[in-house]
Each structure stands twice: as structure tokens, then as C-alpha cells.
Amino acid sequence: MHKIPYLVLGLGALLFAVLALRRRLVLRRRGVAVQARCSSVQRPAEGGPARLTLRYPTPDGRTRTHLAGEGDCPAGTREGDAVEVLYDPRNPSRAETALAARRAPWRNYDLFGLMGVSLAIVLASVSAAAFG
């Protein structure tokens, strides 16, 4: 009786993780490289990594904006510096820095972890429904 919500939750989280991983890998495979300019660097008052605002042009003439973490940009990036960005030609608003997009697929441990937990929830709820 209470197993259905866990099954739905597990399947939803598993679907989310698979789609997010696919999105990351699509940029790696078909992303178009452009030079973006760092327009601002925001450092949190409490410390922690900075957030960089990157602006890049697309073939349709628009300038897009991408927020990147400090670890996704080359070390020492400041306002005015160029950073390589990959964007999806089918959806130019979807972008990542080249450094982040070309990271080894196994480095997506956050999504693989979510997939593992989701799969465990799904299998536990299915086995509980079948044997419980």
C-alpha cells in the first residue's frame, strides 16, 4: 500500500538523473565552441567558490549568458578574460564551459550516485510489493 509512492519517487529520480547525464554528454558530443567573455565575478561573503558570469555570441546574433562555477573555468579567470564555452546548436541557451563539458564521464559521480540510490529505492519497493 505505501510502496507505490516510493516506486514513483525512485522512478522519477532515476529519470531525472538519466536525463541530466544525457544533457551533459550531449554538450560534450555536439557542442559548438565559442569564446565567451567573463563579465563579472561574484565572490560570496561567507567564502566558498566564486560564480562567474560569461557572455557568448550565437549565430542568431544574440548574446547569451551562462553562470559558471570557479572550478569550471581556468584558474585565475577575471573580468574581461576569455573562456571557451560549448553550447548546444539545437538549444543555444544550454551551455557549459569547455573545461566542465570535457570532464571525464565518470566524473559525473553526483548523477551516478543519484541513479544508484534511485535504483535501490525502485528495486526495494518492487521486491516489497512482490514479496510483502
Protein backbone atom coordinates (compact mmCIF):
# COMPACT_ATOMS: atom_id res chain seq x y z
CA MET A 1 0.00 0.00 0.00
CA HIS A 2 2.76 2.50 0.90
CA LYS A 3 5.16 1.08 -1.66
CA ILE A 4 3.69 2.92 -4.67
CA PRO A 5 4.87 6.44 -3.61
CA TYR A 6 8.41 5.10 -3.12
CA LEU A 7 8.30 3.46 -6.53
CA VAL A 8 7.13 6.70 -8.16
CA LEU A 9 9.77 8.70 -6.26
CA GLY A 10 12.52 6.27 -7.25
CA LEU A 11 11.47 6.19 -10.91
CA GLY A 12 11.21 9.98 -11.02
CA ALA A 13 14.67 10.47 -9.52
CA LEU A 14 16.11 7.82 -11.85
CA LEU A 15 14.55 9.54 -14.88
CA PHE A 16 15.87 12.92 -13.73
CA ALA A 17 19.41 11.54 -13.29
CA VAL A 18 19.43 9.83 -16.70
CA LEU A 19 18.16 12.98 -18.47
CA ALA A 20 20.67 15.23 -16.67
CA LEU A 21 23.54 12.89 -17.54
CA ARG A 22 22.37 12.75 -21.15
CA ARG A 23 22.27 16.56 -21.27
CA ARG A 24 25.86 16.77 -20.02
CA LEU A 25 27.08 14.19 -22.53
CA VAL A 26 25.21 15.80 -25.46
CA LEU A 27 27.15 19.03 -24.96
CA ARG A 28 30.37 17.05 -24.94
CA ARG A 29 29.48 15.34 -28.23
CA ARG A 30 27.81 18.04 -30.35
CA GLY A 31 28.63 21.30 -28.57
CA VAL A 32 29.86 24.24 -30.63
CA ALA A 33 32.89 26.01 -29.15
CA VAL A 34 32.87 29.82 -28.84
CA GLN A 35 34.89 32.32 -26.86
CA ALA A 36 32.89 33.86 -24.03
CA ARG A 37 33.88 36.94 -22.05
CA CYS A 38 33.75 36.97 -18.28
CA SER A 39 31.57 39.97 -17.45
CA SER A 40 31.54 39.63 -13.66
CA VAL A 41 32.88 37.57 -10.78
CA GLN A 42 30.76 37.26 -7.63
CA ARG A 43 32.51 36.06 -4.52
CA PRO A 44 30.23 35.01 -1.65
CA ALA A 45 30.71 36.93 1.59
CA GLU A 46 30.89 33.66 3.58
CA GLY A 47 33.67 32.29 1.41
CA GLY A 48 33.42 29.41 -1.00
CA PRO A 49 33.77 29.27 -4.77
CA ALA A 50 33.06 32.32 -6.91
CA ARG A 51 30.35 32.47 -9.59
CA LEU A 52 31.37 33.85 -12.98
CA THR A 53 29.00 35.40 -15.48
CA LEU A 54 30.04 34.50 -19.02
CA ARG A 55 28.56 36.10 -22.14
CA TYR A 56 28.88 34.42 -25.54
CA PRO A 57 27.52 35.12 -29.05
CA THR A 58 25.43 32.64 -31.04
CA PRO A 59 24.89 32.50 -34.83
CA ASP A 60 21.41 34.04 -34.49
CA GLY A 61 23.10 37.28 -33.37
CA ARG A 62 22.05 37.07 -29.73
CA THR A 63 24.38 37.30 -26.79
CA ARG A 64 23.71 34.54 -24.27
CA THR A 65 24.67 34.42 -20.60
CA HIS A 66 25.99 31.43 -18.68
CA LEU A 67 26.75 31.26 -14.95
CA ALA A 68 29.74 29.07 -14.19
CA GLY A 69 31.42 27.97 -11.01
CA GLU A 70 35.01 28.94 -10.30
CA GLY A 71 36.09 25.31 -10.74
CA ASP A 72 34.57 25.17 -14.24
CA CYS A 73 36.80 27.98 -15.55
CA PRO A 74 40.56 28.18 -15.95
CA ALA A 75 42.34 29.16 -12.75
CA GLY A 76 42.70 32.90 -12.27
CA THR A 77 39.86 33.93 -14.60
CA ARG A 78 38.96 37.60 -14.06
CA GLU A 79 36.53 40.08 -15.59
CA GLY A 80 37.30 40.60 -19.27
CA ASP A 81 39.09 37.26 -19.72
CA ALA A 82 38.07 34.88 -22.50
CA VAL A 83 36.72 31.45 -21.55
CA GLU A 84 35.87 28.72 -24.05
CA VAL A 85 32.20 27.70 -23.85
CA LEU A 86 30.38 24.86 -25.61
CA TYR A 87 26.72 25.43 -26.46
CA ASP A 88 24.12 23.14 -27.97
CA PRO A 89 23.31 24.32 -31.53
CA ARG A 90 19.76 22.99 -31.17
CA ASN A 91 19.25 24.99 -27.97
CA PRO A 92 21.89 27.76 -27.70
CA SER A 93 20.85 28.69 -24.16
CA ARG A 94 22.16 25.29 -22.98
CA ALA A 95 25.88 25.73 -22.39
CA GLU A 96 28.85 24.67 -20.27
CA THR A 97 32.42 25.80 -20.13
CA ALA A 98 34.68 23.60 -22.25
CA LEU A 99 36.55 22.61 -19.11
CA ALA A 100 33.34 21.31 -17.48
CA ALA A 101 31.89 19.72 -20.63
CA ARG A 102 35.07 17.80 -21.44
CA ARG A 103 35.41 16.36 -17.96
CA ALA A 104 35.64 12.56 -17.99
CA PRO A 105 32.18 10.94 -17.94
CA TRP A 106 32.95 9.01 -14.75
CA ARG A 107 33.46 12.39 -13.01
CA ASN A 108 29.67 12.82 -13.06
CA TYR A 109 29.62 10.97 -9.74
CA ASP A 110 26.74 13.08 -8.45
CA LEU A 111 24.39 11.71 -11.11
CA PHE A 112 25.73 8.17 -10.88
CA GLY A 113 25.15 8.31 -7.12
CA LEU A 114 21.59 9.55 -7.63
CA MET A 115 21.00 6.76 -10.15
CA GLY A 116 22.27 4.16 -7.68
CA VAL A 117 20.08 5.42 -4.83
CA SER A 118 17.06 5.69 -7.14
CA LEU A 119 17.58 2.20 -8.48
CA ALA A 120 17.86 0.85 -4.92
CA ILE A 121 14.56 2.55 -3.99
CA VAL A 122 12.84 1.16 -7.09
CA LEU A 123 14.13 -2.39 -6.52
CA ALA A 124 13.26 -2.29 -2.80
CA SER A 125 9.72 -1.10 -3.48
CA VAL A 126 9.20 -3.66 -6.26
CA SER A 127 10.54 -6.52 -4.16
CA ALA A 128 8.48 -5.40 -1.15
CA ALA A 129 5.36 -5.32 -3.32
CA ALA A 130 6.11 -8.75 -4.78
CA PHE A 131 7.10 -10.48 -1.55
CA GLY A 132 5.43 -8.34 1.10
